[in-house]
Each structure stands twice: as structure tokens, then as C-alpha cells.
Amino acid sequence: MIRESQIRKLVEEHLAGTDRFIVDVIVKPGNRILVFIDSDTAVLIEHCISLSRFIEKHLDRETEDFELNVSSSGIDHPYTLARQYVKNVGREVSVLLPDGTKIIGTLTSADNKGFDVLETKKEKKVITEIPHHFAYSEIKETKEVIKF
């Protein structure tokens, strides 16, 4: 079976010197490999294709067959790294707490220890801004709010 650490090493090697980084590497039964990457600027389809070809070049299908899927983390995936929080400062996010409470607001700052969200509530024409600070260990997940 192909190991996650083996794939992670290949991804790190390929992304070295770029502003792209690993979000997650998953190897499922049957050698179904899922690689999620992000970037401080943008992840283009060309980046995913290049990484996919690099990984395939370093694996031997004669030894072990595999299925490989390389993609960007995407706006529908929760943030998992402090670097993702930092790059998304200024965006509207939804923070889900372990007790099920959901806080929606603007991500105002982030560092390696935690992040801040400014929640805006409007009740009876009165707008109230509520600042929140979270340690990463205090939350269940954070996702970008998608508006159409």
C-alpha cells in the first residue's frame, strides 16, 4: 500500500520554492490518493496537473496500481492550517464551535495561535459589532461564507 508520508514528501518536494502548500494528503483503501493544496495567491488547474504528473512519475503502477486526485482545497472545505486563516483575512467566515454554536463574521486577523472574527448583528435597526477571539483548539471548523 502507498503510504501517506511518501506522497506528502513528493508534494513537498514539488511545491518547494512556490507559494503553494499542502492542506491534506489522504490515502484511502485501494490506493485512492487525494491531495489538497492551497496557495497564498491562487491555485490554477495547471498547478494541479503539474503536481499530479510529478507524483505519477515517481510512483510505479507496475508495483502498485493507484488512483490519484490532486485539487485545490476549495472554498467549500474548512480551513485546516493557520496559513489559510492568514491568507483569508478580510473575508466573511462561519465558525462552528464544538457545542454547535455558529458565529458568522469577518475574519479580522490570524496568527499561529488563533484568529479573530468580528460578528455584526442587526436588531431593530441597531447594528452591534461583537469581537471574538478563538484559539484553533476551541473550534470545530471554519469555512468561508459563500454568497451569490
N, C-alpha and C. Protein backbone atom coordinates (compact mmCIF):
# COMPACT_ATOMS: atom_id res chain seq x y z
N MET A 1 0.84 -1.18 0.00
CA MET A 1 0.00 0.00 0.00
C MET A 1 0.89 1.25 0.00
N ILE A 2 0.47 2.24 -0.75
CA ILE A 2 1.19 3.50 -0.82
C ILE A 2 0.96 4.26 0.49
N ARG A 3 2.04 4.80 1.05
CA ARG A 3 1.95 5.49 2.33
C ARG A 3 1.70 6.99 2.15
N GLU A 4 0.95 7.55 3.07
CA GLU A 4 0.66 8.99 3.07
C GLU A 4 1.95 9.79 3.17
N SER A 5 2.88 9.33 3.98
CA SER A 5 4.15 10.04 4.17
C SER A 5 4.95 10.10 2.87
N GLN A 6 4.87 9.06 2.07
CA GLN A 6 5.55 9.01 0.78
C GLN A 6 4.98 10.08 -0.17
N ILE A 7 3.67 10.18 -0.21
CA ILE A 7 3.02 11.17 -1.08
C ILE A 7 3.30 12.57 -0.56
N ARG A 8 3.21 12.76 0.74
CA ARG A 8 3.47 14.08 1.34
C ARG A 8 4.88 14.57 0.99
N LYS A 9 5.86 13.68 1.05
CA LYS A 9 7.24 14.03 0.72
C LYS A 9 7.35 14.48 -0.74
N LEU A 10 6.69 13.76 -1.64
CA LEU A 10 6.71 14.13 -3.06
C LEU A 10 6.06 15.50 -3.28
N VAL A 11 4.93 15.73 -2.61
CA VAL A 11 4.22 17.01 -2.76
C VAL A 11 5.09 18.14 -2.24
N GLU A 12 5.69 17.96 -1.07
CA GLU A 12 6.55 18.99 -0.50
C GLU A 12 7.72 19.31 -1.43
N GLU A 13 8.29 18.26 -2.02
CA GLU A 13 9.41 18.45 -2.95
C GLU A 13 8.96 19.28 -4.16
N HIS A 14 7.83 18.95 -4.71
CA HIS A 14 7.34 19.66 -5.90
C HIS A 14 6.94 21.11 -5.59
N LEU A 15 6.38 21.35 -4.43
CA LEU A 15 5.89 22.69 -4.09
C LEU A 15 6.98 23.59 -3.49
N ALA A 16 8.13 23.03 -3.17
CA ALA A 16 9.22 23.83 -2.58
C ALA A 16 9.55 25.02 -3.47
N GLY A 17 9.68 26.19 -2.85
CA GLY A 17 10.03 27.40 -3.60
C GLY A 17 8.85 28.10 -4.24
N THR A 18 7.64 27.60 -4.00
CA THR A 18 6.44 28.26 -4.52
C THR A 18 5.63 28.79 -3.34
N ASP A 19 4.54 29.50 -3.63
CA ASP A 19 3.67 29.95 -2.55
C ASP A 19 2.53 28.96 -2.31
N ARG A 20 2.65 27.77 -2.93
CA ARG A 20 1.63 26.73 -2.73
C ARG A 20 2.06 25.83 -1.57
N PHE A 21 1.07 25.23 -0.90
CA PHE A 21 1.36 24.39 0.26
C PHE A 21 0.33 23.28 0.39
N ILE A 22 0.70 22.24 1.11
CA ILE A 22 -0.17 21.08 1.34
C ILE A 22 -1.22 21.44 2.38
N VAL A 23 -2.47 21.12 2.08
CA VAL A 23 -3.53 21.21 3.07
C VAL A 23 -3.78 19.83 3.66
N ASP A 24 -3.86 18.82 2.80
CA ASP A 24 -4.09 17.47 3.29
C ASP A 24 -3.68 16.45 2.23
N VAL A 25 -3.25 15.30 2.70
CA VAL A 25 -2.98 14.14 1.86
C VAL A 25 -3.68 12.97 2.50
N ILE A 26 -4.51 12.29 1.72
CA ILE A 26 -5.26 11.14 2.23
C ILE A 26 -5.02 9.97 1.29
N VAL A 27 -4.68 8.82 1.85
CA VAL A 27 -4.56 7.60 1.06
C VAL A 27 -5.62 6.64 1.58
N LYS A 28 -6.62 6.38 0.73
CA LYS A 28 -7.73 5.51 1.12
C LYS A 28 -7.45 4.08 0.65
N PRO A 29 -8.22 3.12 1.15
CA PRO A 29 -8.04 1.74 0.71
C PRO A 29 -8.10 1.64 -0.82
N GLY A 30 -7.32 0.72 -1.35
CA GLY A 30 -7.25 0.56 -2.79
C GLY A 30 -6.33 1.59 -3.43
N ASN A 31 -5.51 2.24 -2.61
CA ASN A 31 -4.57 3.27 -3.08
C ASN A 31 -5.27 4.41 -3.81
N ARG A 32 -6.37 4.85 -3.25
CA ARG A 32 -7.05 6.05 -3.77
C ARG A 32 -6.42 7.24 -3.04
N ILE A 33 -5.63 8.03 -3.78
CA ILE A 33 -4.84 9.11 -3.21
C ILE A 33 -5.53 10.44 -3.48
N LEU A 34 -5.77 11.21 -2.41
CA LEU A 34 -6.37 12.54 -2.52
C LEU A 34 -5.36 13.55 -1.98
N VAL A 35 -5.02 14.54 -2.80
CA VAL A 35 -4.08 15.58 -2.41
C VAL A 35 -4.79 16.91 -2.55
N PHE A 36 -4.80 17.67 -1.45
CA PHE A 36 -5.41 19.00 -1.44
C PHE A 36 -4.31 20.03 -1.19
N ILE A 37 -4.24 21.04 -2.07
CA ILE A 37 -3.25 22.08 -1.92
C ILE A 37 -3.92 23.45 -1.89
N ASP A 38 -3.20 24.43 -1.40
CA ASP A 38 -3.68 25.81 -1.39
C ASP A 38 -2.49 26.69 -1.72
N SER A 39 -2.74 27.98 -1.79
CA SER A 39 -1.70 28.93 -2.16
C SER A 39 -1.98 30.26 -1.50
N ASP A 40 -0.93 31.05 -1.32
CA ASP A 40 -1.11 32.39 -0.79
C ASP A 40 -1.73 33.31 -1.84
N THR A 41 -1.67 32.92 -3.10
CA THR A 41 -2.24 33.73 -4.19
C THR A 41 -3.39 32.98 -4.86
N ALA A 42 -3.06 31.99 -5.68
CA ALA A 42 -4.12 31.25 -6.39
C ALA A 42 -3.60 29.87 -6.77
N VAL A 43 -4.49 28.89 -6.78
CA VAL A 43 -4.17 27.57 -7.28
C VAL A 43 -4.85 27.44 -8.64
N LEU A 44 -4.05 27.27 -9.66
CA LEU A 44 -4.56 27.12 -11.02
C LEU A 44 -4.62 25.64 -11.39
N ILE A 45 -5.44 25.33 -12.37
CA ILE A 45 -5.55 23.94 -12.83
C ILE A 45 -4.19 23.44 -13.30
N GLU A 46 -3.39 24.33 -13.86
CA GLU A 46 -2.05 23.94 -14.31
C GLU A 46 -1.17 23.48 -13.15
N HIS A 47 -1.35 24.11 -11.99
CA HIS A 47 -0.60 23.69 -10.80
C HIS A 47 -0.98 22.27 -10.39
N CYS A 48 -2.26 21.98 -10.43
CA CYS A 48 -2.74 20.64 -10.05
C CYS A 48 -2.26 19.59 -11.05
N ILE A 49 -2.31 19.92 -12.33
CA ILE A 49 -1.85 18.99 -13.37
C ILE A 49 -0.37 18.71 -13.21
N SER A 50 0.41 19.76 -13.00
CA SER A 50 1.85 19.60 -12.85
C SER A 50 2.19 18.73 -11.64
N LEU A 51 1.53 18.97 -10.53
CA LEU A 51 1.77 18.18 -9.32
C LEU A 51 1.34 16.73 -9.54
N SER A 52 0.21 16.53 -10.17
CA SER A 52 -0.27 15.18 -10.44
C SER A 52 0.73 14.40 -11.30
N ARG A 53 1.23 15.04 -12.33
CA ARG A 53 2.22 14.39 -13.20
C ARG A 53 3.52 14.08 -12.44
N PHE A 54 3.92 14.99 -11.57
CA PHE A 54 5.13 14.78 -10.77
C PHE A 54 4.97 13.56 -9.87
N ILE A 55 3.84 13.47 -9.19
CA ILE A 55 3.59 12.33 -8.30
C ILE A 55 3.55 11.04 -9.11
N GLU A 56 2.82 11.04 -10.22
CA GLU A 56 2.70 9.83 -11.05
C GLU A 56 4.06 9.38 -11.56
N LYS A 57 4.93 10.32 -11.90
CA LYS A 57 6.27 10.00 -12.41
C LYS A 57 7.10 9.27 -11.35
N HIS A 58 6.81 9.54 -10.08
CA HIS A 58 7.60 8.95 -9.00
C HIS A 58 6.96 7.70 -8.37
N LEU A 59 5.83 7.29 -8.89
CA LEU A 59 5.19 6.06 -8.42
C LEU A 59 5.19 5.04 -9.56
N ASP A 60 5.26 3.78 -9.23
CA ASP A 60 5.33 2.72 -10.24
C ASP A 60 4.02 1.94 -10.27
N ARG A 61 3.27 2.13 -11.35
CA ARG A 61 1.98 1.42 -11.48
C ARG A 61 2.19 -0.09 -11.66
N GLU A 62 3.38 -0.48 -12.08
CA GLU A 62 3.67 -1.92 -12.23
C GLU A 62 3.74 -2.59 -10.85
N THR A 63 4.20 -1.82 -9.86
CA THR A 63 4.32 -2.34 -8.50
C THR A 63 2.98 -2.27 -7.77
N GLU A 64 2.35 -1.09 -7.83
CA GLU A 64 1.07 -0.88 -7.16
C GLU A 64 0.21 0.05 -7.99
N ASP A 65 -1.00 -0.38 -8.30
CA ASP A 65 -1.93 0.48 -9.02
C ASP A 65 -2.49 1.51 -8.04
N PHE A 66 -2.88 2.66 -8.56
CA PHE A 66 -3.41 3.71 -7.71
C PHE A 66 -4.32 4.63 -8.52
N GLU A 67 -5.14 5.36 -7.79
CA GLU A 67 -5.98 6.42 -8.35
C GLU A 67 -5.53 7.70 -7.67
N LEU A 68 -5.26 8.75 -8.46
CA LEU A 68 -4.72 9.98 -7.91
C LEU A 68 -5.63 11.15 -8.26
N ASN A 69 -5.97 11.95 -7.24
CA ASN A 69 -6.77 13.15 -7.44
C ASN A 69 -6.07 14.30 -6.72
N VAL A 70 -5.63 15.29 -7.50
CA VAL A 70 -4.98 16.48 -6.95
C VAL A 70 -5.90 17.66 -7.20
N SER A 71 -6.22 18.42 -6.14
CA SER A 71 -7.10 19.57 -6.31
C SER A 71 -6.79 20.65 -5.29
N SER A 72 -7.34 21.83 -5.54
CA SER A 72 -7.20 22.90 -4.55
C SER A 72 -8.14 22.59 -3.40
N SER A 73 -7.84 23.16 -2.27
CA SER A 73 -8.66 22.94 -1.09
C SER A 73 -10.09 23.41 -1.33
N GLY A 74 -10.27 24.49 -2.06
CA GLY A 74 -11.60 24.95 -2.42
C GLY A 74 -12.31 25.69 -1.31
N ILE A 75 -13.24 26.56 -1.70
CA ILE A 75 -13.92 27.38 -0.71
C ILE A 75 -14.96 26.61 0.10
N ASP A 76 -15.30 25.40 -0.34
CA ASP A 76 -16.27 24.62 0.42
C ASP A 76 -15.61 23.74 1.49
N HIS A 77 -14.27 23.72 1.51
CA HIS A 77 -13.55 22.95 2.52
C HIS A 77 -13.24 23.83 3.73
N PRO A 78 -13.29 23.27 4.91
CA PRO A 78 -12.92 24.05 6.10
C PRO A 78 -11.43 24.40 6.08
N TYR A 79 -11.10 25.51 6.71
CA TYR A 79 -9.69 25.86 6.89
C TYR A 79 -9.09 24.86 7.88
N THR A 80 -7.88 24.42 7.59
CA THR A 80 -7.23 23.48 8.50
C THR A 80 -5.86 23.96 8.96
N LEU A 81 -5.31 24.97 8.30
CA LEU A 81 -3.98 25.47 8.64
C LEU A 81 -4.04 26.95 8.98
N ALA A 82 -3.19 27.38 9.91
CA ALA A 82 -3.12 28.80 10.25
C ALA A 82 -2.85 29.65 9.01
N ARG A 83 -2.06 29.12 8.10
CA ARG A 83 -1.72 29.84 6.87
C ARG A 83 -2.97 30.16 6.04
N GLN A 84 -3.96 29.28 6.07
CA GLN A 84 -5.21 29.54 5.35
C GLN A 84 -5.99 30.67 6.00
N TYR A 85 -5.97 30.72 7.32
CA TYR A 85 -6.64 31.81 8.03
C TYR A 85 -5.98 33.14 7.67
N VAL A 86 -4.65 33.17 7.72
CA VAL A 86 -3.91 34.40 7.43
C VAL A 86 -4.22 34.90 6.02
N LYS A 87 -4.23 34.01 5.05
CA LYS A 87 -4.45 34.44 3.67
C LYS A 87 -5.89 34.91 3.42
N ASN A 88 -6.81 34.53 4.29
CA ASN A 88 -8.21 34.88 4.09
C ASN A 88 -8.71 35.98 5.02
N VAL A 89 -7.80 36.69 5.67
CA VAL A 89 -8.20 37.84 6.50
C VAL A 89 -8.96 38.82 5.61
N GLY A 90 -10.08 39.32 6.15
CA GLY A 90 -10.94 40.24 5.41
C GLY A 90 -12.16 39.57 4.80
N ARG A 91 -12.18 38.25 4.77
CA ARG A 91 -13.31 37.52 4.20
C ARG A 91 -14.33 37.17 5.28
N GLU A 92 -15.56 36.94 4.84
CA GLU A 92 -16.60 36.53 5.77
C GLU A 92 -16.51 35.02 5.98
N VAL A 93 -16.54 34.62 7.25
CA VAL A 93 -16.40 33.22 7.59
C VAL A 93 -17.50 32.78 8.55
N SER A 94 -17.69 31.49 8.59
CA SER A 94 -18.61 30.86 9.53
C SER A 94 -17.77 29.97 10.44
N VAL A 95 -17.84 30.23 11.74
CA VAL A 95 -17.08 29.46 12.72
C VAL A 95 -18.05 28.57 13.48
N LEU A 96 -17.81 27.27 13.43
CA LEU A 96 -18.64 26.32 14.14
C LEU A 96 -17.91 25.89 15.40
N LEU A 97 -18.56 26.08 16.54
CA LEU A 97 -17.98 25.71 17.83
C LEU A 97 -18.38 24.27 18.18
N PRO A 98 -17.65 23.62 19.06
CA PRO A 98 -17.97 22.23 19.42
C PRO A 98 -19.39 22.03 19.95
N ASP A 99 -19.99 23.06 20.58
CA ASP A 99 -21.35 22.92 21.11
C ASP A 99 -22.42 23.17 20.05
N GLY A 100 -22.01 23.39 18.79
CA GLY A 100 -22.96 23.60 17.70
C GLY A 100 -23.26 25.07 17.42
N THR A 101 -22.77 25.98 18.25
CA THR A 101 -22.97 27.41 18.01
C THR A 101 -22.22 27.82 16.75
N LYS A 102 -22.87 28.65 15.93
CA LYS A 102 -22.25 29.13 14.70
C LYS A 102 -22.13 30.64 14.78
N ILE A 103 -20.95 31.15 14.52
CA ILE A 103 -20.70 32.58 14.52
C ILE A 103 -20.27 32.97 13.11
N ILE A 104 -20.95 33.95 12.54
CA ILE A 104 -20.63 34.43 11.20
C ILE A 104 -20.14 35.86 11.32
N GLY A 105 -18.99 36.12 10.70
CA GLY A 105 -18.44 37.46 10.76
C GLY A 105 -17.22 37.58 9.85
N THR A 106 -16.56 38.70 9.96
CA THR A 106 -15.38 38.97 9.15
C THR A 106 -14.13 38.51 9.88
N LEU A 107 -13.31 37.74 9.20
CA LEU A 107 -12.03 37.31 9.75
C LEU A 107 -11.12 38.53 9.74
N THR A 108 -10.78 39.04 10.93
CA THR A 108 -10.03 40.30 11.01
C THR A 108 -8.54 40.12 11.23
N SER A 109 -8.13 39.01 11.82
CA SER A 109 -6.70 38.74 11.99
C SER A 109 -6.50 37.27 12.30
N ALA A 110 -5.26 36.82 12.09
CA ALA A 110 -4.92 35.43 12.36
C ALA A 110 -3.41 35.30 12.51
N ASP A 111 -3.00 34.38 13.37
CA ASP A 111 -1.59 34.05 13.51
C ASP A 111 -1.49 32.57 13.86
N ASN A 112 -0.34 32.11 14.29
CA ASN A 112 -0.16 30.69 14.58
C ASN A 112 -0.90 30.20 15.81
N LYS A 113 -1.37 31.12 16.66
CA LYS A 113 -2.05 30.73 17.90
C LYS A 113 -3.57 30.74 17.79
N GLY A 114 -4.13 31.62 16.94
CA GLY A 114 -5.57 31.73 16.83
C GLY A 114 -5.97 32.82 15.86
N PHE A 115 -7.25 33.18 15.92
CA PHE A 115 -7.77 34.15 14.97
C PHE A 115 -8.89 34.97 15.59
N ASP A 116 -9.21 36.10 14.94
CA ASP A 116 -10.26 37.00 15.41
C ASP A 116 -11.33 37.15 14.34
N VAL A 117 -12.57 37.19 14.80
CA VAL A 117 -13.72 37.38 13.92
C VAL A 117 -14.56 38.50 14.50
N LEU A 118 -14.99 39.41 13.64
CA LEU A 118 -15.88 40.49 14.05
C LEU A 118 -17.28 40.15 13.55
N GLU A 119 -18.14 39.80 14.51
CA GLU A 119 -19.53 39.44 14.19
C GLU A 119 -20.37 40.72 14.19
N THR A 120 -21.21 40.88 13.18
CA THR A 120 -22.09 42.03 13.09
C THR A 120 -23.53 41.55 13.21
N LYS A 121 -24.22 42.07 14.23
CA LYS A 121 -25.63 41.73 14.43
C LYS A 121 -26.48 42.96 14.21
N LYS A 122 -27.62 42.76 13.56
CA LYS A 122 -28.54 43.88 13.32
C LYS A 122 -29.89 43.51 13.92
N GLU A 123 -30.26 44.26 14.95
CA GLU A 123 -31.55 44.03 15.61
C GLU A 123 -32.28 45.36 15.74
N LYS A 124 -33.47 45.43 15.19
CA LYS A 124 -34.30 46.63 15.27
C LYS A 124 -33.53 47.88 14.86
N LYS A 125 -32.89 47.80 13.70
CA LYS A 125 -32.15 48.92 13.11
C LYS A 125 -30.92 49.32 13.90
N VAL A 126 -30.54 48.52 14.89
CA VAL A 126 -29.34 48.79 15.67
C VAL A 126 -28.28 47.76 15.28
N ILE A 127 -27.14 48.26 14.85
CA ILE A 127 -26.05 47.37 14.46
C ILE A 127 -25.05 47.27 15.61
N THR A 128 -24.77 46.04 15.99
CA THR A 128 -23.83 45.77 17.07
C THR A 128 -22.68 44.92 16.51
N GLU A 129 -21.47 45.33 16.81
CA GLU A 129 -20.31 44.55 16.40
C GLU A 129 -19.73 43.85 17.63
N ILE A 130 -19.55 42.53 17.49
CA ILE A 130 -19.06 41.73 18.61
C ILE A 130 -17.75 41.06 18.19
N PRO A 131 -16.65 41.45 18.84
CA PRO A 131 -15.38 40.81 18.51
C PRO A 131 -15.25 39.46 19.22
N HIS A 132 -14.69 38.50 18.51
CA HIS A 132 -14.45 37.16 19.07
C HIS A 132 -13.00 36.78 18.81
N HIS A 133 -12.37 36.17 19.78
CA HIS A 133 -11.04 35.61 19.58
C HIS A 133 -11.13 34.11 19.83
N PHE A 134 -10.52 33.33 18.95
CA PHE A 134 -10.55 31.87 19.07
C PHE A 134 -9.14 31.31 18.98
N ALA A 135 -8.85 30.36 19.83
CA ALA A 135 -7.67 29.51 19.64
C ALA A 135 -8.14 28.40 18.69
N TYR A 136 -7.26 27.92 17.87
CA TYR A 136 -7.65 26.88 16.90
C TYR A 136 -8.22 25.65 17.61
N SER A 137 -7.76 25.37 18.80
CA SER A 137 -8.23 24.20 19.55
C SER A 137 -9.65 24.37 20.08
N GLU A 138 -10.19 25.61 20.06
CA GLU A 138 -11.52 25.88 20.61
C GLU A 138 -12.65 25.73 19.61
N ILE A 139 -12.32 25.46 18.37
CA ILE A 139 -13.36 25.43 17.33
C ILE A 139 -13.46 24.05 16.70
N LYS A 140 -14.61 23.82 16.07
CA LYS A 140 -14.80 22.58 15.32
C LYS A 140 -14.34 22.78 13.88
N GLU A 141 -14.80 23.88 13.24
CA GLU A 141 -14.36 24.18 11.88
C GLU A 141 -14.67 25.63 11.53
N THR A 142 -13.94 26.12 10.54
CA THR A 142 -14.18 27.45 9.98
C THR A 142 -14.23 27.32 8.48
N LYS A 143 -15.25 27.90 7.87
CA LYS A 143 -15.40 27.89 6.42
C LYS A 143 -15.68 29.30 5.93
N GLU A 144 -15.28 29.57 4.71
CA GLU A 144 -15.63 30.83 4.09
C GLU A 144 -17.12 30.83 3.77
N VAL A 145 -17.78 31.97 3.99
CA VAL A 145 -19.18 32.11 3.64
C VAL A 145 -19.26 32.40 2.15
N ILE A 146 -20.03 31.59 1.45
CA ILE A 146 -20.18 31.74 0.01
C ILE A 146 -21.46 32.49 -0.27
N LYS A 147 -21.35 33.63 -0.96
CA LYS A 147 -22.53 34.42 -1.30
C LYS A 147 -22.67 34.49 -2.82
N PHE A 148 -23.91 34.40 -3.26
CA PHE A 148 -24.19 34.50 -4.69
C PHE A 148 -24.97 35.75 -4.97
